[in-house]
Amino acid sequence: MIRKATLKDIATIYPMLLSEHQTVKVRSINDLRKNIKNFLVYEKEKKVIGCIAFENYSSRIAEIRSLVVRPSERNNQVATKLLKQALKRVKKGQQVFVVTSIPKFFLKKNFVFEREERYALFYAG
């Protein structure tokens, strides 16, 4: 079952994010508290086994963040279901991006590396 995350879920979400620190940007607990409204969790047998965040920056752009699934559940389509549910929040005309070190999953889900008219620039200073 996928549902909106609550403050109580932080106790589960935070360790999941920490366990994936090499592939997911770990938020602070305070950041999680402030942004819990952006999170969805996947529950199985009353245990949170995955999470995803969808953050609207404007009417034109949004970001998928913090997609994590417990290793024991990774071949059960949990990530796909979480992503599909999060993408239901997309508004008409809105572009959605993801910053990931594992693009293979997102490429299979109709994400592309770039659009000719857009560029991701990183400060090198």
PDB file of N, CA and C in Angstrom:
ATOM      1  N   MET A   1       0.843  -1.176   0.000  1.00  0.00           N
ATOM      2  CA  MET A   1       0.000   0.000   0.000  1.00  0.00           C
ATOM      3  C   MET A   1       0.891   1.244   0.000  1.00  0.00           C
ATOM      4  N   ILE A   2       0.571   2.184  -0.847  1.00  0.00           N
ATOM      5  CA  ILE A   2       1.294   3.457  -0.897  1.00  0.00           C
ATOM      6  C   ILE A   2       0.431   4.509  -0.221  1.00  0.00           C
ATOM      7  N   ARG A   3       1.065   5.294   0.628  1.00  0.00           N
ATOM      8  CA  ARG A   3       0.350   6.357   1.341  1.00  0.00           C
ATOM      9  C   ARG A   3       1.275   7.547   1.557  1.00  0.00           C
ATOM     10  N   LYS A   4       0.679   8.671   1.942  1.00  0.00           N
ATOM     11  CA  LYS A   4       1.471   9.843   2.294  1.00  0.00           C
ATOM     12  C   LYS A   4       2.241   9.550   3.573  1.00  0.00           C
ATOM     13  N   ALA A   5       3.471   9.998   3.617  1.00  0.00           N
ATOM     14  CA  ALA A   5       4.285   9.807   4.816  1.00  0.00           C
ATOM     15  C   ALA A   5       3.819  10.747   5.925  1.00  0.00           C
ATOM     16  N   THR A   6       4.052  10.325   7.153  1.00  0.00           N
ATOM     17  CA  THR A   6       3.747  11.139   8.326  1.00  0.00           C
ATOM     18  C   THR A   6       5.041  11.360   9.112  1.00  0.00           C
ATOM     19  N   LEU A   7       4.983  12.234  10.092  1.00  0.00           N
ATOM     20  CA  LEU A   7       6.161  12.479  10.926  1.00  0.00           C
ATOM     21  C   LEU A   7       6.649  11.198  11.595  1.00  0.00           C
ATOM     22  N   LYS A   8       5.746  10.295  11.928  1.00  0.00           N
ATOM     23  CA  LYS A   8       6.142   9.025  12.551  1.00  0.00           C
ATOM     24  C   LYS A   8       7.025   8.195  11.622  1.00  0.00           C
ATOM     25  N   ASP A   9       6.870   8.374  10.318  1.00  0.00           N
ATOM     26  CA  ASP A   9       7.644   7.594   9.349  1.00  0.00           C
ATOM     27  C   ASP A   9       9.104   8.007   9.270  1.00  0.00           C
ATOM     28  N   ILE A  10       9.446   9.165   9.788  1.00  0.00           N
ATOM     29  CA  ILE A  10      10.834   9.633   9.735  1.00  0.00           C
ATOM     30  C   ILE A  10      11.769   8.628  10.403  1.00  0.00           C
ATOM     31  N   ALA A  11      11.299   7.985  11.469  1.00  0.00           N
ATOM     32  CA  ALA A  11      12.121   7.000  12.176  1.00  0.00           C
ATOM     33  C   ALA A  11      12.511   5.828  11.274  1.00  0.00           C
ATOM     34  N   THR A  12      11.741   5.581  10.225  1.00  0.00           N
ATOM     35  CA  THR A  12      12.062   4.527   9.263  1.00  0.00           C
ATOM     36  C   THR A  12      12.734   5.091   8.017  1.00  0.00           C
ATOM     37  N   ILE A  13      12.246   6.222   7.534  1.00  0.00           N
ATOM     38  CA  ILE A  13      12.779   6.816   6.307  1.00  0.00           C
ATOM     39  C   ILE A  13      14.245   7.210   6.476  1.00  0.00           C
ATOM     40  N   TYR A  14      14.575   7.862   7.573  1.00  0.00           N
ATOM     41  CA  TYR A  14      15.934   8.370   7.758  1.00  0.00           C
ATOM     42  C   TYR A  14      16.988   7.250   7.698  1.00  0.00           C
ATOM     43  N   PRO A  15      16.821   6.153   8.431  1.00  0.00           N
ATOM     44  CA  PRO A  15      17.812   5.068   8.314  1.00  0.00           C
ATOM     45  C   PRO A  15      17.869   4.461   6.907  1.00  0.00           C
ATOM     46  N   MET A  16      16.732   4.407   6.216  1.00  0.00           N
ATOM     47  CA  MET A  16      16.742   3.891   4.847  1.00  0.00           C
ATOM     48  C   MET A  16      17.592   4.792   3.959  1.00  0.00           C
ATOM     49  N   LEU A  17      17.438   6.096   4.092  1.00  0.00           N
ATOM     50  CA  LEU A  17      18.229   7.036   3.305  1.00  0.00           C
ATOM     51  C   LEU A  17      19.707   6.926   3.658  1.00  0.00           C
ATOM     52  N   LEU A  18      20.012   6.805   4.944  1.00  0.00           N
ATOM     53  CA  LEU A  18      21.409   6.671   5.371  1.00  0.00           C
ATOM     54  C   LEU A  18      22.046   5.412   4.801  1.00  0.00           C
ATOM     55  N   SER A  19      21.284   4.340   4.722  1.00  0.00           N
ATOM     56  CA  SER A  19      21.840   3.087   4.212  1.00  0.00           C
ATOM     57  C   SER A  19      22.175   3.175   2.728  1.00  0.00           C
ATOM     58  N   GLU A  20      21.599   4.157   2.039  1.00  0.00           N
ATOM     59  CA  GLU A  20      21.838   4.338   0.605  1.00  0.00           C
ATOM     60  C   GLU A  20      22.609   5.625   0.330  1.00  0.00           C
ATOM     61  N   HIS A  21      23.413   6.072   1.283  1.00  0.00           N
ATOM     62  CA  HIS A  21      24.091   7.364   1.176  1.00  0.00           C
ATOM     63  C   HIS A  21      24.977   7.504  -0.058  1.00  0.00           C
ATOM     64  N   GLN A  22      25.396   6.401  -0.643  1.00  0.00           N
ATOM     65  CA  GLN A  22      26.246   6.499  -1.837  1.00  0.00           C
ATOM     66  C   GLN A  22      25.434   6.779  -3.101  1.00  0.00           C
ATOM     67  N   THR A  23      24.136   6.512  -3.070  1.00  0.00           N
ATOM     68  CA  THR A  23      23.306   6.735  -4.257  1.00  0.00           C
ATOM     69  C   THR A  23      22.184   7.737  -4.033  1.00  0.00           C
ATOM     70  N   VAL A  24      21.915   8.103  -2.791  1.00  0.00           N
ATOM     71  CA  VAL A  24      20.827   9.027  -2.474  1.00  0.00           C
ATOM     72  C   VAL A  24      21.380  10.145  -1.606  1.00  0.00           C
ATOM     73  N   LYS A  25      21.001  11.374  -1.948  1.00  0.00           N
ATOM     74  CA  LYS A  25      21.416  12.501  -1.108  1.00  0.00           C
ATOM     75  C   LYS A  25      20.647  12.420   0.205  1.00  0.00           C
ATOM     76  N   VAL A  26      21.380  12.330   1.298  1.00  0.00           N
ATOM     77  CA  VAL A  26      20.745  12.180   2.605  1.00  0.00           C
ATOM     78  C   VAL A  26      20.366  13.549   3.139  1.00  0.00           C
ATOM     79  N   ARG A  27      19.117  13.658   3.498  1.00  0.00           N
ATOM     80  CA  ARG A  27      18.604  14.887   4.104  1.00  0.00           C
ATOM     81  C   ARG A  27      18.832  14.813   5.612  1.00  0.00           C
ATOM     82  N   SER A  28      18.860  15.965   6.253  1.00  0.00           N
ATOM     83  CA  SER A  28      18.927  15.974   7.714  1.00  0.00           C
ATOM     84  C   SER A  28      17.535  15.619   8.252  1.00  0.00           C
ATOM     85  N   ILE A  29      17.485  15.252   9.502  1.00  0.00           N
ATOM     86  CA  ILE A  29      16.182  14.941  10.107  1.00  0.00           C
ATOM     87  C   ILE A  29      15.297  16.189  10.094  1.00  0.00           C
ATOM     88  N   ASN A  30      15.882  17.355  10.353  1.00  0.00           N
ATOM     89  CA  ASN A  30      15.089  18.591  10.317  1.00  0.00           C
ATOM     90  C   ASN A  30      14.533  18.845   8.920  1.00  0.00           C
ATOM     91  N   ASP A  31      15.341  18.580   7.894  1.00  0.00           N
ATOM     92  CA  ASP A  31      14.884  18.738   6.515  1.00  0.00           C
ATOM     93  C   ASP A  31      13.745  17.755   6.222  1.00  0.00           C
ATOM     94  N   LEU A  32      13.888  16.529   6.704  1.00  0.00           N
ATOM     95  CA  LEU A  32      12.809  15.553   6.523  1.00  0.00           C
ATOM     96  C   LEU A  32      11.518  16.026   7.186  1.00  0.00           C
ATOM     97  N   ARG A  33      11.626  16.543   8.389  1.00  0.00           N
ATOM     98  CA  ARG A  33      10.429  17.051   9.091  1.00  0.00           C
ATOM     99  C   ARG A  33       9.741  18.146   8.284  1.00  0.00           C
ATOM    100  N   LYS A  34      10.555  19.074   7.768  1.00  0.00           N
ATOM    101  CA  LYS A  34       9.985  20.188   6.998  1.00  0.00           C
ATOM    102  C   LYS A  34       9.353  19.724   5.690  1.00  0.00           C
ATOM    103  N   ASN A  35       9.880  18.645   5.108  1.00  0.00           N
ATOM    104  CA  ASN A  35       9.445  18.205   3.784  1.00  0.00           C
ATOM    105  C   ASN A  35       8.682  16.890   3.776  1.00  0.00           C
ATOM    106  N   ILE A  36       8.231  16.431   4.924  1.00  0.00           N
ATOM    107  CA  ILE A  36       7.555  15.134   4.989  1.00  0.00           C
ATOM    108  C   ILE A  36       6.302  15.111   4.112  1.00  0.00           C
ATOM    109  N   LYS A  37       5.710  16.267   3.891  1.00  0.00           N
ATOM    110  CA  LYS A  37       4.507  16.344   3.037  1.00  0.00           C
ATOM    111  C   LYS A  37       4.806  15.949   1.590  1.00  0.00           C
ATOM    112  N   ASN A  38       6.075  15.974   1.193  1.00  0.00           N
ATOM    113  CA  ASN A  38       6.470  15.604  -0.168  1.00  0.00           C
ATOM    114  C   ASN A  38       6.724  14.108  -0.324  1.00  0.00           C
ATOM    115  N   PHE A  39       6.727  13.372   0.771  1.00  0.00           N
ATOM    116  CA  PHE A  39       7.088  11.953   0.744  1.00  0.00           C
ATOM    117  C   PHE A  39       5.874  11.038   0.660  1.00  0.00           C
ATOM    118  N   LEU A  40       6.081   9.959  -0.064  1.00  0.00           N
ATOM    119  CA  LEU A  40       5.163   8.828  -0.069  1.00  0.00           C
ATOM    120  C   LEU A  40       5.941   7.639   0.465  1.00  0.00           C
ATOM    121  N   VAL A  41       5.245   6.718   1.134  1.00  0.00           N
ATOM    122  CA  VAL A  41       5.890   5.494   1.591  1.00  0.00           C
ATOM    123  C   VAL A  41       5.107   4.301   1.068  1.00  0.00           C
ATOM    124  N   TYR A  42       5.825   3.219   0.894  1.00  0.00           N
ATOM    125  CA  TYR A  42       5.224   1.948   0.486  1.00  0.00           C
ATOM    126  C   TYR A  42       5.256   1.051   1.712  1.00  0.00           C
ATOM    127  N   GLU A  43       4.068   0.619   2.122  1.00  0.00           N
ATOM    128  CA  GLU A  43       3.938  -0.230   3.298  1.00  0.00           C
ATOM    129  C   GLU A  43       3.586  -1.649   2.891  1.00  0.00           C
ATOM    130  N   LYS A  44       4.240  -2.594   3.544  1.00  0.00           N
ATOM    131  CA  LYS A  44       3.931  -4.012   3.341  1.00  0.00           C
ATOM    132  C   LYS A  44       3.875  -4.649   4.728  1.00  0.00           C
ATOM    133  N   GLU A  45       2.772  -5.263   5.028  1.00  0.00           N
ATOM    134  CA  GLU A  45       2.590  -5.878   6.347  1.00  0.00           C
ATOM    135  C   GLU A  45       2.902  -4.889   7.468  1.00  0.00           C
ATOM    136  N   LYS A  46       2.388  -3.662   7.306  1.00  0.00           N
ATOM    137  CA  LYS A  46       2.521  -2.574   8.281  1.00  0.00           C
ATOM    138  C   LYS A  46       3.963  -2.103   8.511  1.00  0.00           C
ATOM    139  N   LYS A  47       4.866  -2.437   7.572  1.00  0.00           N
ATOM    140  CA  LYS A  47       6.242  -1.957   7.655  1.00  0.00           C
ATOM    141  C   LYS A  47       6.560  -1.147   6.410  1.00  0.00           C
ATOM    142  N   VAL A  48       7.230  -0.018   6.588  1.00  0.00           N
ATOM    143  CA  VAL A  48       7.646   0.811   5.467  1.00  0.00           C
ATOM    144  C   VAL A  48       8.837   0.129   4.799  1.00  0.00           C
ATOM    145  N   ILE A  49       8.681  -0.162   3.518  1.00  0.00           N
ATOM    146  CA  ILE A  49       9.760  -0.838   2.781  1.00  0.00           C
ATOM    147  C   ILE A  49      10.333   0.028   1.659  1.00  0.00           C
ATOM    148  N   GLY A  50       9.739   1.206   1.439  1.00  0.00           N
ATOM    149  CA  GLY A  50      10.242   2.099   0.412  1.00  0.00           C
ATOM    150  C   GLY A  50       9.697   3.496   0.584  1.00  0.00           C
ATOM    151  N   CYS A  51      10.375   4.456  -0.044  1.00  0.00           N
ATOM    152  CA  CYS A  51       9.889   5.835   0.004  1.00  0.00           C
ATOM    153  C   CYS A  51      10.321   6.574  -1.255  1.00  0.00           C
ATOM    154  N   ILE A  52       9.650   7.682  -1.489  1.00  0.00           N
ATOM    155  CA  ILE A  52       9.969   8.577  -2.601  1.00  0.00           C
ATOM    156  C   ILE A  52       9.488   9.971  -2.220  1.00  0.00           C
ATOM    157  N   ALA A  53      10.161  10.983  -2.729  1.00  0.00           N
ATOM    158  CA  ALA A  53       9.717  12.363  -2.523  1.00  0.00           C
ATOM    159  C   ALA A  53       9.479  13.009  -3.881  1.00  0.00           C
ATOM    160  N   PHE A  54       8.455  13.835  -3.945  1.00  0.00           N
ATOM    161  CA  PHE A  54       8.128  14.603  -5.141  1.00  0.00           C
ATOM    162  C   PHE A  54       8.027  16.048  -4.704  1.00  0.00           C
ATOM    163  N   GLU A  55       8.913  16.871  -5.223  1.00  0.00           N
ATOM    164  CA  GLU A  55       8.957  18.268  -4.789  1.00  0.00           C
ATOM    165  C   GLU A  55       8.629  19.204  -5.939  1.00  0.00           C
ATOM    166  N   ASN A  56       7.564  19.975  -5.762  1.00  0.00           N
ATOM    167  CA  ASN A  56       7.175  20.990  -6.738  1.00  0.00           C
ATOM    168  C   ASN A  56       7.972  22.257  -6.463  1.00  0.00           C
ATOM    169  N   TYR A  57       8.725  22.698  -7.457  1.00  0.00           N
ATOM    170  CA  TYR A  57       9.461  23.948  -7.315  1.00  0.00           C
ATOM    171  C   TYR A  57       8.677  25.119  -7.893  1.00  0.00           C
ATOM    172  N   SER A  58       7.892  24.840  -8.918  1.00  0.00           N
ATOM    173  CA  SER A  58       7.060  25.863  -9.544  1.00  0.00           C
ATOM    174  C   SER A  58       6.013  25.161 -10.395  1.00  0.00           C
ATOM    175  N   SER A  59       5.215  25.932 -11.085  1.00  0.00           N
ATOM    176  CA  SER A  59       4.225  25.327 -11.983  1.00  0.00           C
ATOM    177  C   SER A  59       4.906  24.696 -13.199  1.00  0.00           C
ATOM    178  N   ARG A  60       6.187  24.969 -13.381  1.00  0.00           N
ATOM    179  CA  ARG A  60       6.903  24.454 -14.554  1.00  0.00           C
ATOM    180  C   ARG A  60       7.874  23.325 -14.242  1.00  0.00           C
ATOM    181  N   ILE A  61       8.307  23.192 -12.977  1.00  0.00           N
ATOM    182  CA  ILE A  61       9.353  22.204 -12.694  1.00  0.00           C
ATOM    183  C   ILE A  61       9.154  21.528 -11.337  1.00  0.00           C
ATOM    184  N   ALA A  62       9.459  20.231 -11.315  1.00  0.00           N
ATOM    185  CA  ALA A  62       9.374  19.435 -10.092  1.00  0.00           C
ATOM    186  C   ALA A  62      10.505  18.412 -10.107  1.00  0.00           C
ATOM    187  N   GLU A  63      10.782  17.858  -8.931  1.00  0.00           N
ATOM    188  CA  GLU A  63      11.885  16.896  -8.820  1.00  0.00           C
ATOM    189  C   GLU A  63      11.437  15.643  -8.096  1.00  0.00           C
ATOM    190  N   ILE A  64      11.908  14.504  -8.598  1.00  0.00           N
ATOM    191  CA  ILE A  64      11.783  13.233  -7.900  1.00  0.00           C
ATOM    192  C   ILE A  64      13.035  13.093  -7.052  1.00  0.00           C
ATOM    193  N   ARG A  65      12.865  12.797  -5.765  1.00  0.00           N
ATOM    194  CA  ARG A  65      13.995  12.675  -4.848  1.00  0.00           C
ATOM    195  C   ARG A  65      13.812  11.469  -3.935  1.00  0.00           C
ATOM    196  N   SER A  66      14.899  11.037  -3.381  1.00  0.00           N
ATOM    197  CA  SER A  66      14.890  10.086  -2.260  1.00  0.00           C
ATOM    198  C   SER A  66      14.117   8.800  -2.528  1.00  0.00           C
ATOM    199  N   LEU A  67      14.287   8.239  -3.703  1.00  0.00           N
ATOM    200  CA  LEU A  67      13.659   6.953  -4.005  1.00  0.00           C
ATOM    201  C   LEU A  67      14.538   5.838  -3.437  1.00  0.00           C
ATOM    202  N   VAL A  68      14.025   5.168  -2.429  1.00  0.00           N
ATOM    203  CA  VAL A  68      14.759   4.107  -1.752  1.00  0.00           C
ATOM    204  C   VAL A  68      13.809   2.947  -1.479  1.00  0.00           C
ATOM    205  N   VAL A  69      14.310   1.728  -1.717  1.00  0.00           N
ATOM    206  CA  VAL A  69      13.561   0.512  -1.418  1.00  0.00           C
ATOM    207  C   VAL A  69      14.492  -0.425  -0.656  1.00  0.00           C
ATOM    208  N   ARG A  70      13.962  -1.050   0.372  1.00  0.00           N
ATOM    209  CA  ARG A  70      14.770  -2.019   1.129  1.00  0.00           C
ATOM    210  C   ARG A  70      15.322  -3.086   0.184  1.00  0.00           C
ATOM    211  N   PRO A  71      16.575  -3.480   0.359  1.00  0.00           N
ATOM    212  CA  PRO A  71      17.197  -4.455  -0.544  1.00  0.00           C
ATOM    213  C   PRO A  71      16.375  -5.735  -0.739  1.00  0.00           C
ATOM    214  N   SER A  72      15.743  -6.227   0.293  1.00  0.00           N
ATOM    215  CA  SER A  72      14.973  -7.473   0.185  1.00  0.00           C
ATOM    216  C   SER A  72      13.725  -7.336  -0.678  1.00  0.00           C
ATOM    217  N   GLU A  73      13.334  -6.115  -1.008  1.00  0.00           N
ATOM    218  CA  GLU A  73      12.110  -5.864  -1.785  1.00  0.00           C
ATOM    219  C   GLU A  73      12.393  -5.300  -3.173  1.00  0.00           C
ATOM    220  N   ARG A  74      13.631  -5.247  -3.587  1.00  0.00           N
ATOM    221  CA  ARG A  74      13.994  -4.545  -4.815  1.00  0.00           C
ATOM    222  C   ARG A  74      13.525  -5.198  -6.102  1.00  0.00           C
ATOM    223  N   ASN A  75      13.214  -6.447  -6.111  1.00  0.00           N
ATOM    224  CA  ASN A  75      12.739  -7.090  -7.339  1.00  0.00           C
ATOM    225  C   ASN A  75      11.226  -7.252  -7.364  1.00  0.00           C
ATOM    226  N   ASN A  76      10.538  -6.493  -6.545  1.00  0.00           N
ATOM    227  CA  ASN A  76       9.085  -6.621  -6.415  1.00  0.00           C
ATOM    228  C   ASN A  76       8.308  -5.436  -6.975  1.00  0.00           C
ATOM    229  N   GLN A  77       8.941  -4.643  -7.844  1.00  0.00           N
ATOM    230  CA  GLN A  77       8.287  -3.500  -8.493  1.00  0.00           C
ATOM    231  C   GLN A  77       7.907  -2.370  -7.525  1.00  0.00           C
ATOM    232  N   VAL A  78       8.464  -2.363  -6.331  1.00  0.00           N
ATOM    233  CA  VAL A  78       8.143  -1.327  -5.346  1.00  0.00           C
ATOM    234  C   VAL A  78       8.568   0.044  -5.856  1.00  0.00           C
ATOM    235  N   ALA A  79       9.786   0.159  -6.382  1.00  0.00           N
ATOM    236  CA  ALA A  79      10.273   1.450  -6.889  1.00  0.00           C
ATOM    237  C   ALA A  79       9.398   1.937  -8.035  1.00  0.00           C
ATOM    238  N   THR A  80       9.019   1.041  -8.925  1.00  0.00           N
ATOM    239  CA  THR A  80       8.164   1.411 -10.061  1.00  0.00           C
ATOM    240  C   THR A  80       6.819   1.921  -9.571  1.00  0.00           C
ATOM    241  N   LYS A  81       6.237   1.242  -8.611  1.00  0.00           N
ATOM    242  CA  LYS A  81       4.933   1.667  -8.076  1.00  0.00           C
ATOM    243  C   LYS A  81       5.030   3.014  -7.367  1.00  0.00           C
ATOM    244  N   LEU A  82       6.103   3.207  -6.601  1.00  0.00           N
ATOM    245  CA  LEU A  82       6.293   4.503  -5.936  1.00  0.00           C
ATOM    246  C   LEU A  82       6.456   5.623  -6.961  1.00  0.00           C
ATOM    247  N   LEU A  83       7.256   5.378  -7.990  1.00  0.00           N
ATOM    248  CA  LEU A  83       7.468   6.386  -9.018  1.00  0.00           C
ATOM    249  C   LEU A  83       6.163   6.726  -9.732  1.00  0.00           C
ATOM    250  N   LYS A  84       5.394   5.720 -10.118  1.00  0.00           N
ATOM    251  CA  LYS A  84       4.112   5.966 -10.788  1.00  0.00           C
ATOM    252  C   LYS A  84       3.186   6.805  -9.920  1.00  0.00           C
ATOM    253  N   GLN A  85       3.145   6.495  -8.633  1.00  0.00           N
ATOM    254  CA  GLN A  85       2.280   7.255  -7.722  1.00  0.00           C
ATOM    255  C   GLN A  85       2.765   8.699  -7.589  1.00  0.00           C
ATOM    256  N   ALA A  86       4.067   8.879  -7.462  1.00  0.00           N
ATOM    257  CA  ALA A  86       4.623  10.236  -7.347  1.00  0.00           C
ATOM    258  C   ALA A  86       4.346  11.045  -8.609  1.00  0.00           C
ATOM    259  N   LEU A  87       4.454  10.414  -9.765  1.00  0.00           N
ATOM    260  CA  LEU A  87       4.248  11.123 -11.029  1.00  0.00           C
ATOM    261  C   LEU A  87       2.797  11.543 -11.241  1.00  0.00           C
ATOM    262  N   LYS A  88       1.886  10.995 -10.465  1.00  0.00           N
ATOM    263  CA  LYS A  88       0.485  11.442 -10.526  1.00  0.00           C
ATOM    264  C   LYS A  88       0.350  12.875 -10.022  1.00  0.00           C
ATOM    265  N   ARG A  89       1.360  13.371  -9.327  1.00  0.00           N
ATOM    266  CA  ARG A  89       1.345  14.751  -8.813  1.00  0.00           C
ATOM    267  C   ARG A  89       1.800  15.779  -9.848  1.00  0.00           C
ATOM    268  N   VAL A  90       2.256  15.313 -11.002  1.00  0.00           N
ATOM    269  CA  VAL A  90       2.732  16.218 -12.044  1.00  0.00           C
ATOM    270  C   VAL A  90       1.568  17.047 -12.570  1.00  0.00           C
ATOM    271  N   LYS A  91       1.798  18.351 -12.680  1.00  0.00           N
ATOM    272  CA  LYS A  91       0.789  19.262 -13.221  1.00  0.00           C
ATOM    273  C   LYS A  91       0.983  19.393 -14.725  1.00  0.00           C
ATOM    274  N   LYS A  92      -0.074  19.728 -15.413  1.00  0.00           N
ATOM    275  CA  LYS A  92      -0.005  19.895 -16.863  1.00  0.00           C
ATOM    276  C   LYS A  92       1.073  20.914 -17.222  1.00  0.00           C
ATOM    277  N   GLY A  93       1.946  20.535 -18.143  1.00  0.00           N
ATOM    278  CA  GLY A  93       3.011  21.425 -18.594  1.00  0.00           C
ATOM    279  C   GLY A  93       4.246  21.421 -17.711  1.00  0.00           C
ATOM    280  N   GLN A  94       4.214  20.657 -16.642  1.00  0.00           N
ATOM    281  CA  GLN A  94       5.340  20.639 -15.712  1.00  0.00           C
ATOM    282  C   GLN A  94       6.391  19.621 -16.160  1.00  0.00           C
ATOM    283  N   GLN A  95       7.652  19.999 -16.059  1.00  0.00           N
ATOM    284  CA  GLN A  95       8.753  19.080 -16.335  1.00  0.00           C
ATOM    285  C   GLN A  95       9.242  18.512 -15.016  1.00  0.00           C
ATOM    286  N   VAL A  96       9.577  17.227 -15.039  1.00  0.00           N
ATOM    287  CA  VAL A  96      10.045  16.548 -13.837  1.00  0.00           C
ATOM    288  C   VAL A  96      11.468  16.072 -14.086  1.00  0.00           C
ATOM    289  N   PHE A  97      12.349  16.339 -13.130  1.00  0.00           N
ATOM    290  CA  PHE A  97      13.721  15.869 -13.274  1.00  0.00           C
ATOM    291  C   PHE A  97      14.118  15.040 -12.062  1.00  0.00           C
ATOM    292  N   VAL A  98      15.181  14.292 -12.246  1.00  0.00           N
ATOM    293  CA  VAL A  98      15.754  13.499 -11.169  1.00  0.00           C
ATOM    294  C   VAL A  98      17.277  13.586 -11.289  1.00  0.00           C
ATOM    295  N   VAL A  99      17.937  13.713 -10.158  1.00  0.00           N
ATOM    296  CA  VAL A  99      19.390  13.653 -10.110  1.00  0.00           C
ATOM    297  C   VAL A  99      19.709  12.284  -9.528  1.00  0.00           C
ATOM    298  N   THR A 100      20.409  11.466 -10.286  1.00  0.00           N
ATOM    299  CA  THR A 100      20.633  10.085  -9.867  1.00  0.00           C
ATOM    300  C   THR A 100      22.009   9.595 -10.285  1.00  0.00           C
ATOM    301  N   SER A 101      22.525   8.678  -9.512  1.00  0.00           N
ATOM    302  CA  SER A 101      23.765   7.998  -9.899  1.00  0.00           C
ATOM    303  C   SER A 101      23.445   6.645 -10.533  1.00  0.00           C
ATOM    304  N   ILE A 102      22.153   6.319 -10.602  1.00  0.00           N
ATOM    305  CA  ILE A 102      21.709   5.059 -11.214  1.00  0.00           C
ATOM    306  C   ILE A 102      20.645   5.383 -12.266  1.00  0.00           C
ATOM    307  N   PRO A 103      21.075   5.899 -13.427  1.00  0.00           N
ATOM    308  CA  PRO A 103      20.094   6.336 -14.429  1.00  0.00           C
ATOM    309  C   PRO A 103      19.331   5.208 -15.112  1.00  0.00           C
ATOM    310  N   LYS A 104      19.854   4.007 -15.091  1.00  0.00           N
ATOM    311  CA  LYS A 104      19.233   2.892 -15.824  1.00  0.00           C
ATOM    312  C   LYS A 104      17.751   2.719 -15.476  1.00  0.00           C
ATOM    313  N   PHE A 105      17.411   2.769 -14.205  1.00  0.00           N
ATOM    314  CA  PHE A 105      16.026   2.624 -13.772  1.00  0.00           C
ATOM    315  C   PHE A 105      15.149   3.713 -14.382  1.00  0.00           C
ATOM    316  N   PHE A 106      15.600   4.973 -14.290  1.00  0.00           N
ATOM    317  CA  PHE A 106      14.795   6.094 -14.764  1.00  0.00           C
ATOM    318  C   PHE A 106      14.701   6.133 -16.289  1.00  0.00           C
ATOM    319  N   LEU A 107      15.741   5.713 -16.967  1.00  0.00           N
ATOM    320  CA  LEU A 107      15.684   5.654 -18.429  1.00  0.00           C
ATOM    321  C   LEU A 107      14.598   4.678 -18.887  1.00  0.00           C
ATOM    322  N   LYS A 108      14.416   3.608 -18.160  1.00  0.00           N
ATOM    323  CA  LYS A 108      13.357   2.634 -18.480  1.00  0.00           C
ATOM    324  C   LYS A 108      11.966   3.197 -18.198  1.00  0.00           C
ATOM    325  N   LYS A 109      11.904   4.279 -17.437  1.00  0.00           N
ATOM    326  CA  LYS A 109      10.620   4.880 -17.040  1.00  0.00           C
ATOM    327  C   LYS A 109      10.333   6.176 -17.793  1.00  0.00           C
ATOM    328  N   ASN A 110      10.929   6.319 -18.954  1.00  0.00           N
ATOM    329  CA  ASN A 110      10.659   7.445 -19.857  1.00  0.00           C
ATOM    330  C   ASN A 110      11.343   8.753 -19.454  1.00  0.00           C
ATOM    331  N   PHE A 111      12.360   8.684 -18.616  1.00  0.00           N
ATOM    332  CA  PHE A 111      13.186   9.855 -18.349  1.00  0.00           C
ATOM    333  C   PHE A 111      14.289   9.868 -19.405  1.00  0.00           C
ATOM    334  N   VAL A 112      14.771  11.050 -19.736  1.00  0.00           N
ATOM    335  CA  VAL A 112      15.835  11.192 -20.721  1.00  0.00           C
ATOM    336  C   VAL A 112      16.978  11.995 -20.102  1.00  0.00           C
ATOM    337  N   PHE A 113      18.164  11.846 -20.674  1.00  0.00           N
ATOM    338  CA  PHE A 113      19.322  12.533 -20.121  1.00  0.00           C
ATOM    339  C   PHE A 113      19.237  14.044 -20.235  1.00  0.00           C
ATOM    340  N   GLU A 114      18.708  14.539 -21.349  1.00  0.00           N
ATOM    341  CA  GLU A 114      18.643  15.985 -21.509  1.00  0.00           C
ATOM    342  C   GLU A 114      17.633  16.358 -22.574  1.00  0.00           C
ATOM    343  N   ARG A 115      17.235  17.561 -22.508  1.00  0.00           N
ATOM    344  CA  ARG A 115      16.427  18.154 -23.570  1.00  0.00           C
ATOM    345  C   ARG A 115      17.333  19.208 -24.199  1.00  0.00           C
ATOM    346  N   GLU A 116      17.294  19.313 -25.488  1.00  0.00           N
ATOM    347  CA  GLU A 116      18.232  20.202 -26.183  1.00  0.00           C
ATOM    348  C   GLU A 116      18.218  21.630 -25.660  1.00  0.00           C
ATOM    349  N   GLU A 117      17.079  22.096 -25.180  1.00  0.00           N
ATOM    350  CA  GLU A 117      16.994  23.490 -24.755  1.00  0.00           C
ATOM    351  C   GLU A 117      17.322  23.686 -23.271  1.00  0.00           C
ATOM    352  N   ARG A 118      17.655  22.625 -22.529  1.00  0.00           N
ATOM    353  CA  ARG A 118      17.928  22.732 -21.110  1.00  0.00           C
ATOM    354  C   ARG A 118      19.300  22.144 -20.797  1.00  0.00           C
ATOM    355  N   TYR A 119      19.959  22.723 -19.792  1.00  0.00           N
ATOM    356  CA  TYR A 119      21.255  22.227 -19.360  1.00  0.00           C
ATOM    357  C   TYR A 119      21.327  22.250 -17.848  1.00  0.00           C
ATOM    358  N   ALA A 120      21.945  21.258 -17.268  1.00  0.00           N
ATOM    359  CA  ALA A 120      22.229  21.261 -15.840  1.00  0.00           C
ATOM    360  C   ALA A 120      23.640  21.796 -15.676  1.00  0.00           C
ATOM    361  N   LEU A 121      23.794  22.857 -14.933  1.00  0.00           N
ATOM    362  CA  LEU A 121      25.091  23.460 -14.701  1.00  0.00           C
ATOM    363  C   LEU A 121      25.449  23.305 -13.225  1.00  0.00           C
ATOM    364  N   PHE A 122      26.697  22.956 -12.954  1.00  0.00           N
ATOM    365  CA  PHE A 122      27.155  22.764 -11.594  1.00  0.00           C
ATOM    366  C   PHE A 122      28.261  23.763 -11.296  1.00  0.00           C
ATOM    367  N   TYR A 123      28.193  24.378 -10.144  1.00  0.00           N
ATOM    368  CA  TYR A 123      29.193  25.328  -9.706  1.00  0.00           C
ATOM    369  C   TYR A 123      30.497  24.593  -9.425  1.00  0.00           C
ATOM    370  N   ALA A 124      31.596  25.037  -9.989  1.00  0.00           N
ATOM    371  CA  ALA A 124      32.877  24.374  -9.838  1.00  0.00           C
ATOM    372  C   ALA A 124      33.857  25.161  -8.959  1.00  0.00           C
ATOM    373  N   GLY A 125      33.359  26.205  -8.347  1.00  0.00           N
ATOM    374  CA  GLY A 125      34.148  27.174  -7.657  1.00  0.00           C
ATOM    375  C   GLY A 125      34.899  26.898  -6.490  1.00  0.00           C
TER     376      GLY A 125
END
